[in-house]
């Protein structure tokens, strides 16, 4: 699956979760999945915890996060990193 196809699984709608990027067809924000992965949760456990999503949705969240890092951003505040 191409990155562009993966990104189509992520939607931003001001009517859903205050405009945060979510997995299409759900109210699950991308940041929740990325935080779980960053915290060491295994893909299988995420899929058990969120049965409405698929492995492709998790990959789409990672692709979305990767795409955001291509943008020019400033340094994160130290308290944000903690």
PDB file of N, CA and C in Angstrom:
ATOM      1  N   UNK A   1       0.833  -1.173   0.000  1.00  0.00           N
ATOM      2  CA  UNK A   1       0.000   0.000   0.000  1.00  0.00           C
ATOM      3  C   UNK A   1       0.888   1.251   0.000  1.00  0.00           C
ATOM      4  N   UNK A   2       0.624   2.173  -0.909  1.00  0.00           N
ATOM      5  CA  UNK A   2       1.402   3.404  -1.013  1.00  0.00           C
ATOM      6  C   UNK A   2       1.068   4.347   0.131  1.00  0.00           C
ATOM      7  N   UNK A   3       2.009   5.219   0.457  1.00  0.00           N
ATOM      8  CA  UNK A   3       1.814   6.166   1.553  1.00  0.00           C
ATOM      9  C   UNK A   3       0.573   7.014   1.308  1.00  0.00           C
ATOM     10  N   UNK A   4       0.384   7.459   0.074  1.00  0.00           N
ATOM     11  CA  UNK A   4      -0.787   8.294  -0.225  1.00  0.00           C
ATOM     12  C   UNK A   4      -2.082   7.542   0.063  1.00  0.00           C
ATOM     13  N   UNK A   5      -2.114   6.269  -0.255  1.00  0.00           N
ATOM     14  CA  UNK A   5      -3.298   5.456   0.034  1.00  0.00           C
ATOM     15  C   UNK A   5      -3.516   5.340   1.538  1.00  0.00           C
ATOM     16  N   UNK A   6      -2.427   5.203   2.274  1.00  0.00           N
ATOM     17  CA  UNK A   6      -2.534   5.121   3.733  1.00  0.00           C
ATOM     18  C   UNK A   6      -3.095   6.414   4.303  1.00  0.00           C
ATOM     19  N   UNK A   7      -2.625   7.526   3.791  1.00  0.00           N
ATOM     20  CA  UNK A   7      -3.056   8.821   4.322  1.00  0.00           C
ATOM     21  C   UNK A   7      -4.537   9.081   4.073  1.00  0.00           C
ATOM     22  N   UNK A   8      -5.122   8.412   3.112  1.00  0.00           N
ATOM     23  CA  UNK A   8      -6.557   8.561   2.864  1.00  0.00           C
ATOM     24  C   UNK A   8      -7.391   7.967   3.995  1.00  0.00           C
ATOM     25  N   UNK A   9      -6.758   7.160   4.841  1.00  0.00           N
ATOM     26  CA  UNK A   9      -7.448   6.566   5.987  1.00  0.00           C
ATOM     27  C   UNK A   9      -7.532   7.537   7.161  1.00  0.00           C
ATOM     28  N   UNK A  10      -6.866   8.676   7.041  1.00  0.00           N
ATOM     29  CA  UNK A  10      -6.863   9.689   8.100  1.00  0.00           C
ATOM     30  C   UNK A  10      -7.680  10.889   7.624  1.00  0.00           C
ATOM     31  N   UNK A  11      -8.594  11.354   8.468  1.00  0.00           N
ATOM     32  CA  UNK A  11      -9.433  12.493   8.097  1.00  0.00           C
ATOM     33  C   UNK A  11      -9.375  13.573   9.170  1.00  0.00           C
ATOM     34  N   UNK A  12      -9.584  14.800   8.716  1.00  0.00           N
ATOM     35  CA  UNK A  12      -9.662  15.940   9.626  1.00  0.00           C
ATOM     36  C   UNK A  12     -10.987  16.637   9.324  1.00  0.00           C
ATOM     37  N   UNK A  13     -11.836  16.710  10.336  1.00  0.00           N
ATOM     38  CA  UNK A  13     -13.150  17.312  10.194  1.00  0.00           C
ATOM     39  C   UNK A  13     -13.415  18.119  11.464  1.00  0.00           C
ATOM     40  N   UNK A  14     -13.674  19.423  11.338  1.00  0.00           N
ATOM     41  CA  UNK A  14     -13.905  20.235  12.534  1.00  0.00           C
ATOM     42  C   UNK A  14     -15.070  19.739  13.388  1.00  0.00           C
ATOM     43  N   UNK A  15     -15.944  18.931  12.819  1.00  0.00           N
ATOM     44  CA  UNK A  15     -17.101  18.400  13.546  1.00  0.00           C
ATOM     45  C   UNK A  15     -16.754  17.150  14.375  1.00  0.00           C
ATOM     46  N   UNK A  16     -15.575  16.586  14.120  1.00  0.00           N
ATOM     47  CA  UNK A  16     -15.174  15.349  14.809  1.00  0.00           C
ATOM     48  C   UNK A  16     -13.920  15.614  15.623  1.00  0.00           C
ATOM     49  N   UNK A  17     -14.004  15.358  16.927  1.00  0.00           N
ATOM     50  CA  UNK A  17     -12.862  15.502  17.846  1.00  0.00           C
ATOM     51  C   UNK A  17     -12.170  16.865  17.698  1.00  0.00           C
ATOM     52  N   UNK A  18     -12.966  17.905  17.546  1.00  0.00           N
ATOM     53  CA  UNK A  18     -12.453  19.280  17.470  1.00  0.00           C
ATOM     54  C   UNK A  18     -11.427  19.468  16.358  1.00  0.00           C
ATOM     55  N   UNK A  19     -11.583  18.720  15.271  1.00  0.00           N
ATOM     56  CA  UNK A  19     -10.697  18.888  14.130  1.00  0.00           C
ATOM     57  C   UNK A  19      -9.370  18.161  14.227  1.00  0.00           C
ATOM     58  N   UNK A  20      -9.202  17.328  15.245  1.00  0.00           N
ATOM     59  CA  UNK A  20      -7.971  16.531  15.340  1.00  0.00           C
ATOM     60  C   UNK A  20      -8.002  15.447  14.260  1.00  0.00           C
ATOM     61  N   UNK A  21      -6.857  15.074  13.715  1.00  0.00           N
ATOM     62  CA  UNK A  21      -6.828  13.974  12.746  1.00  0.00           C
ATOM     63  C   UNK A  21      -7.281  12.677  13.417  1.00  0.00           C
ATOM     64  N   UNK A  22      -8.212  11.981  12.772  1.00  0.00           N
ATOM     65  CA  UNK A  22      -8.731  10.717  13.298  1.00  0.00           C
ATOM     66  C   UNK A  22      -8.680   9.650  12.216  1.00  0.00           C
ATOM     67  N   UNK A  23      -8.808   8.404  12.645  1.00  0.00           N
ATOM     68  CA  UNK A  23      -8.905   7.300  11.705  1.00  0.00           C
ATOM     69  C   UNK A  23     -10.294   7.361  11.083  1.00  0.00           C
ATOM     70  N   UNK A  24     -10.348   7.325   9.780  1.00  0.00           N
ATOM     71  CA  UNK A  24     -11.596   7.446   9.033  1.00  0.00           C
ATOM     72  C   UNK A  24     -12.641   6.453   9.554  1.00  0.00           C
ATOM     73  N   UNK A  25     -13.845   6.967   9.766  1.00  0.00           N
ATOM     74  CA  UNK A  25     -14.944   6.131  10.231  1.00  0.00           C
ATOM     75  C   UNK A  25     -14.958   5.904  11.727  1.00  0.00           C
ATOM     76  N   UNK A  26     -14.032   6.554  12.446  1.00  0.00           N
ATOM     77  CA  UNK A  26     -13.962   6.412  13.905  1.00  0.00           C
ATOM     78  C   UNK A  26     -13.808   7.793  14.534  1.00  0.00           C
ATOM     79  N   UNK A  27     -13.790   7.801  15.843  1.00  0.00           N
ATOM     80  CA  UNK A  27     -13.467   9.015  16.594  1.00  0.00           C
ATOM     81  C   UNK A  27     -12.130   8.810  17.322  1.00  0.00           C
ATOM     82  N   UNK A  28     -11.311   7.931  16.793  1.00  0.00           N
ATOM     83  CA  UNK A  28     -10.020   7.614  17.409  1.00  0.00           C
ATOM     84  C   UNK A  28      -8.960   8.530  16.808  1.00  0.00           C
ATOM     85  N   UNK A  29      -8.423   9.451  17.628  1.00  0.00           N
ATOM     86  CA  UNK A  29      -7.407  10.368  17.109  1.00  0.00           C
ATOM     87  C   UNK A  29      -6.093   9.652  16.792  1.00  0.00           C
ATOM     88  N   UNK A  30      -5.432  10.144  15.782  1.00  0.00           N
ATOM     89  CA  UNK A  30      -4.130   9.611  15.381  1.00  0.00           C
ATOM     90  C   UNK A  30      -3.154   9.657  16.551  1.00  0.00           C
ATOM     91  N   UNK A  31      -3.179  10.755  17.305  1.00  0.00           N
ATOM     92  CA  UNK A  31      -2.203  10.897  18.394  1.00  0.00           C
ATOM     93  C   UNK A  31      -2.357   9.803  19.445  1.00  0.00           C
ATOM     94  N   UNK A  32      -3.557   9.291  19.647  1.00  0.00           N
ATOM     95  CA  UNK A  32      -3.747   8.220  20.631  1.00  0.00           C
ATOM     96  C   UNK A  32      -2.979   6.974  20.193  1.00  0.00           C
ATOM     97  N   UNK A  33      -3.123   6.611  18.937  1.00  0.00           N
ATOM     98  CA  UNK A  33      -2.429   5.420  18.424  1.00  0.00           C
ATOM     99  C   UNK A  33      -0.919   5.624  18.448  1.00  0.00           C
ATOM    100  N   UNK A  34      -0.465   6.815  18.041  1.00  0.00           N
ATOM    101  CA  UNK A  34       0.981   7.081  18.048  1.00  0.00           C
ATOM    102  C   UNK A  34       1.533   7.059  19.462  1.00  0.00           C
ATOM    103  N   UNK A  35       0.795   7.594  20.420  1.00  0.00           N
ATOM    104  CA  UNK A  35       1.256   7.563  21.810  1.00  0.00           C
ATOM    105  C   UNK A  35       1.332   6.137  22.343  1.00  0.00           C
ATOM    106  N   UNK A  36       0.373   5.311  21.971  1.00  0.00           N
ATOM    107  CA  UNK A  36       0.417   3.909  22.405  1.00  0.00           C
ATOM    108  C   UNK A  36       1.639   3.206  21.829  1.00  0.00           C
ATOM    109  N   UNK A  37       1.901   3.420  20.556  1.00  0.00           N
ATOM    110  CA  UNK A  37       3.078   2.824  19.924  1.00  0.00           C
ATOM    111  C   UNK A  37       4.365   3.346  20.562  1.00  0.00           C
ATOM    112  N   UNK A  38       4.416   4.658  20.787  1.00  0.00           N
ATOM    113  CA  UNK A  38       5.608   5.259  21.391  1.00  0.00           C
ATOM    114  C   UNK A  38       5.825   4.745  22.810  1.00  0.00           C
ATOM    115  N   UNK A  39       4.744   4.396  23.473  1.00  0.00           N
ATOM    116  CA  UNK A  39       4.844   3.851  24.826  1.00  0.00           C
ATOM    117  C   UNK A  39       5.201   2.378  24.860  1.00  0.00           C
ATOM    118  N   UNK A  40       5.326   1.773  23.685  1.00  0.00           N
ATOM    119  CA  UNK A  40       5.751   0.378  23.621  1.00  0.00           C
ATOM    120  C   UNK A  40       4.632  -0.634  23.448  1.00  0.00           C
ATOM    121  N   UNK A  41       3.398  -0.162  23.310  1.00  0.00           N
ATOM    122  CA  UNK A  41       2.306  -1.117  23.129  1.00  0.00           C
ATOM    123  C   UNK A  41       2.437  -1.797  21.774  1.00  0.00           C
ATOM    124  N   UNK A  42       2.243  -3.070  21.766  1.00  0.00           N
ATOM    125  CA  UNK A  42       2.340  -3.858  20.534  1.00  0.00           C
ATOM    126  C   UNK A  42       1.084  -3.661  19.691  1.00  0.00           C
ATOM    127  N   UNK A  43       1.286  -3.778  18.388  1.00  0.00           N
ATOM    128  CA  UNK A  43       0.194  -3.619  17.431  1.00  0.00           C
ATOM    129  C   UNK A  43      -0.995  -4.523  17.777  1.00  0.00           C
ATOM    130  N   UNK A  44      -0.708  -5.771  18.133  1.00  0.00           N
ATOM    131  CA  UNK A  44      -1.771  -6.718  18.448  1.00  0.00           C
ATOM    132  C   UNK A  44      -2.618  -6.230  19.617  1.00  0.00           C
ATOM    133  N   UNK A  45      -1.955  -5.637  20.618  1.00  0.00           N
ATOM    134  CA  UNK A  45      -2.671  -5.143  21.790  1.00  0.00           C
ATOM    135  C   UNK A  45      -3.525  -3.918  21.455  1.00  0.00           C
ATOM    136  N   UNK A  46      -3.020  -3.082  20.570  1.00  0.00           N
ATOM    137  CA  UNK A  46      -3.801  -1.920  20.132  1.00  0.00           C
ATOM    138  C   UNK A  46      -5.047  -2.399  19.405  1.00  0.00           C
ATOM    139  N   UNK A  47      -4.895  -3.397  18.551  1.00  0.00           N
ATOM    140  CA  UNK A  47      -6.037  -3.925  17.809  1.00  0.00           C
ATOM    141  C   UNK A  47      -7.066  -4.576  18.741  1.00  0.00           C
ATOM    142  N   UNK A  48      -6.594  -5.173  19.828  1.00  0.00           N
ATOM    143  CA  UNK A  48      -7.514  -5.733  20.826  1.00  0.00           C
ATOM    144  C   UNK A  48      -8.244  -4.622  21.562  1.00  0.00           C
ATOM    145  N   UNK A  49      -7.516  -3.577  21.902  1.00  0.00           N
ATOM    146  CA  UNK A  49      -8.077  -2.443  22.648  1.00  0.00           C
ATOM    147  C   UNK A  49      -9.056  -1.637  21.793  1.00  0.00           C
ATOM    148  N   UNK A  50      -8.777  -1.554  20.503  1.00  0.00           N
ATOM    149  CA  UNK A  50      -9.602  -0.786  19.569  1.00  0.00           C
ATOM    150  C   UNK A  50     -10.031  -1.695  18.419  1.00  0.00           C
ATOM    151  N   UNK A  51     -11.050  -2.525  18.640  1.00  0.00           N
ATOM    152  CA  UNK A  51     -11.444  -3.509  17.626  1.00  0.00           C
ATOM    153  C   UNK A  51     -12.021  -2.900  16.343  1.00  0.00           C
ATOM    154  N   UNK A  52     -12.326  -1.614  16.356  1.00  0.00           N
ATOM    155  CA  UNK A  52     -12.876  -0.977  15.158  1.00  0.00           C
ATOM    156  C   UNK A  52     -11.815  -0.561  14.151  1.00  0.00           C
ATOM    157  N   UNK A  53     -10.533  -0.745  14.505  1.00  0.00           N
ATOM    158  CA  UNK A  53      -9.480  -0.358  13.569  1.00  0.00           C
ATOM    159  C   UNK A  53      -8.727  -1.589  13.073  1.00  0.00           C
ATOM    160  N   UNK A  54      -7.937  -1.379  12.031  1.00  0.00           N
ATOM    161  CA  UNK A  54      -7.177  -2.467  11.412  1.00  0.00           C
ATOM    162  C   UNK A  54      -5.685  -2.152  11.462  1.00  0.00           C
ATOM    163  N   UNK A  55      -4.896  -3.125  11.091  1.00  0.00           N
ATOM    164  CA  UNK A  55      -3.445  -2.923  10.992  1.00  0.00           C
ATOM    165  C   UNK A  55      -3.143  -1.788  10.020  1.00  0.00           C
ATOM    166  N   UNK A  56      -3.906  -1.706   8.933  1.00  0.00           N
ATOM    167  CA  UNK A  56      -3.704  -0.647   7.948  1.00  0.00           C
ATOM    168  C   UNK A  56      -3.970   0.729   8.553  1.00  0.00           C
ATOM    169  N   UNK A  57      -4.910   0.805   9.488  1.00  0.00           N
ATOM    170  CA  UNK A  57      -5.179   2.074  10.172  1.00  0.00           C
ATOM    171  C   UNK A  57      -3.983   2.487  11.032  1.00  0.00           C
ATOM    172  N   UNK A  58      -3.382   1.514  11.702  1.00  0.00           N
ATOM    173  CA  UNK A  58      -2.195   1.805  12.517  1.00  0.00           C
ATOM    174  C   UNK A  58      -1.060   2.290  11.621  1.00  0.00           C
ATOM    175  N   UNK A  59      -0.861   1.611  10.504  1.00  0.00           N
ATOM    176  CA  UNK A  59       0.175   2.041   9.556  1.00  0.00           C
ATOM    177  C   UNK A  59      -0.125   3.437   9.019  1.00  0.00           C
ATOM    178  N   UNK A  60      -1.400   3.736   8.809  1.00  0.00           N
ATOM    179  CA  UNK A  60      -1.784   5.064   8.335  1.00  0.00           C
ATOM    180  C   UNK A  60      -1.448   6.127   9.379  1.00  0.00           C
ATOM    181  N   UNK A  61      -1.655   5.817  10.643  1.00  0.00           N
ATOM    182  CA  UNK A  61      -1.296   6.761  11.714  1.00  0.00           C
ATOM    183  C   UNK A  61       0.204   7.029  11.708  1.00  0.00           C
ATOM    184  N   UNK A  62       0.987   5.970  11.545  1.00  0.00           N
ATOM    185  CA  UNK A  62       2.442   6.140  11.498  1.00  0.00           C
ATOM    186  C   UNK A  62       2.853   6.953  10.276  1.00  0.00           C
ATOM    187  N   UNK A  63       2.223   6.692   9.145  1.00  0.00           N
ATOM    188  CA  UNK A  63       2.535   7.447   7.931  1.00  0.00           C
ATOM    189  C   UNK A  63       2.169   8.917   8.105  1.00  0.00           C
ATOM    190  N   UNK A  64       1.054   9.176   8.753  1.00  0.00           N
ATOM    191  CA  UNK A  64       0.633  10.558   9.002  1.00  0.00           C
ATOM    192  C   UNK A  64       1.650  11.272   9.898  1.00  0.00           C
ATOM    193  N   UNK A  65       2.059  10.601  10.970  1.00  0.00           N
ATOM    194  CA  UNK A  65       3.065  11.183  11.856  1.00  0.00           C
ATOM    195  C   UNK A  65       4.377  11.429  11.140  1.00  0.00           C
ATOM    196  N   UNK A  66       4.782  10.494  10.300  1.00  0.00           N
ATOM    197  CA  UNK A  66       6.016  10.657   9.536  1.00  0.00           C
ATOM    198  C   UNK A  66       5.904  11.842   8.586  1.00  0.00           C
ATOM    199  N   UNK A  67       4.757  11.983   7.949  1.00  0.00           N
ATOM    200  CA  UNK A  67       4.553  13.086   7.014  1.00  0.00           C
ATOM    201  C   UNK A  67       4.648  14.430   7.743  1.00  0.00           C
ATOM    202  N   UNK A  68       4.124  14.493   8.962  1.00  0.00           N
ATOM    203  CA  UNK A  68       4.190  15.738   9.718  1.00  0.00           C
ATOM    204  C   UNK A  68       5.628  16.140  10.030  1.00  0.00           C
ATOM    205  N   UNK A  69       6.501  15.167  10.204  1.00  0.00           N
ATOM    206  CA  UNK A  69       7.892  15.498  10.526  1.00  0.00           C
ATOM    207  C   UNK A  69       8.641  16.034   9.318  1.00  0.00           C
ATOM    208  N   UNK A  70       8.041  15.914   8.142  1.00  0.00           N
ATOM    209  CA  UNK A  70       8.659  16.496   6.953  1.00  0.00           C
ATOM    210  C   UNK A  70       8.480  18.010   6.915  1.00  0.00           C
ATOM    211  N   UNK A  71       7.506  18.502   7.690  1.00  0.00           N
ATOM    212  CA  UNK A  71       7.236  19.936   7.735  1.00  0.00           C
ATOM    213  C   UNK A  71       8.263  20.623   8.627  1.00  0.00           C
ATOM    214  N   UNK A  72       8.486  21.879   8.371  1.00  0.00           N
ATOM    215  CA  UNK A  72       9.402  22.648   9.202  1.00  0.00           C
ATOM    216  C   UNK A  72       8.701  23.014  10.498  1.00  0.00           C
ATOM    217  N   UNK A  73       9.277  22.591  11.602  1.00  0.00           N
ATOM    218  CA  UNK A  73       8.705  22.887  12.917  1.00  0.00           C
ATOM    219  C   UNK A  73       9.811  23.344  13.848  1.00  0.00           C
ATOM    220  N   UNK A  74       9.418  24.031  14.895  1.00  0.00           N
ATOM    221  CA  UNK A  74      10.375  24.464  15.893  1.00  0.00           C
ATOM    222  C   UNK A  74      10.682  23.344  16.863  1.00  0.00           C
ATOM    223  N   UNK A  75      11.560  23.625  17.795  1.00  0.00           N
ATOM    224  CA  UNK A  75      11.938  22.649  18.814  1.00  0.00           C
ATOM    225  C   UNK A  75      10.785  22.528  19.797  1.00  0.00           C
ATOM    226  N   UNK A  76      10.479  21.300  20.208  1.00  0.00           N
ATOM    227  CA  UNK A  76       9.426  21.085  21.211  1.00  0.00           C
ATOM    228  C   UNK A  76       9.896  21.606  22.555  1.00  0.00           C
ATOM    229  N   UNK A  77       8.963  22.154  23.289  1.00  0.00           N
ATOM    230  CA  UNK A  77       9.275  22.593  24.644  1.00  0.00           C
ATOM    231  C   UNK A  77       9.652  21.377  25.489  1.00  0.00           C
ATOM    232  N   UNK A  78      10.544  21.571  26.446  1.00  0.00           N
ATOM    233  CA  UNK A  78      11.009  20.466  27.269  1.00  0.00           C
ATOM    234  C   UNK A  78       9.844  19.798  28.003  1.00  0.00           C
ATOM    235  N   UNK A  79       8.884  20.573  28.518  1.00  0.00           N
ATOM    236  CA  UNK A  79       7.776  19.987  29.253  1.00  0.00           C
ATOM    237  C   UNK A  79       6.889  19.148  28.348  1.00  0.00           C
ATOM    238  N   UNK A  80       6.826  19.440  27.064  1.00  0.00           N
ATOM    239  CA  UNK A  80       6.055  18.637  26.129  1.00  0.00           C
ATOM    240  C   UNK A  80       6.694  17.264  25.969  1.00  0.00           C
ATOM    241  N   UNK A  81       8.004  17.194  26.034  1.00  0.00           N
ATOM    242  CA  UNK A  81       8.717  15.942  25.847  1.00  0.00           C
ATOM    243  C   UNK A  81       8.614  15.032  27.052  1.00  0.00           C
ATOM    244  N   UNK A  82       8.266  15.546  28.194  1.00  0.00           N
ATOM    245  CA  UNK A  82       8.219  14.729  29.412  1.00  0.00           C
ATOM    246  C   UNK A  82       6.969  13.938  29.537  1.00  0.00           C
TER     247      UNK A  82
END
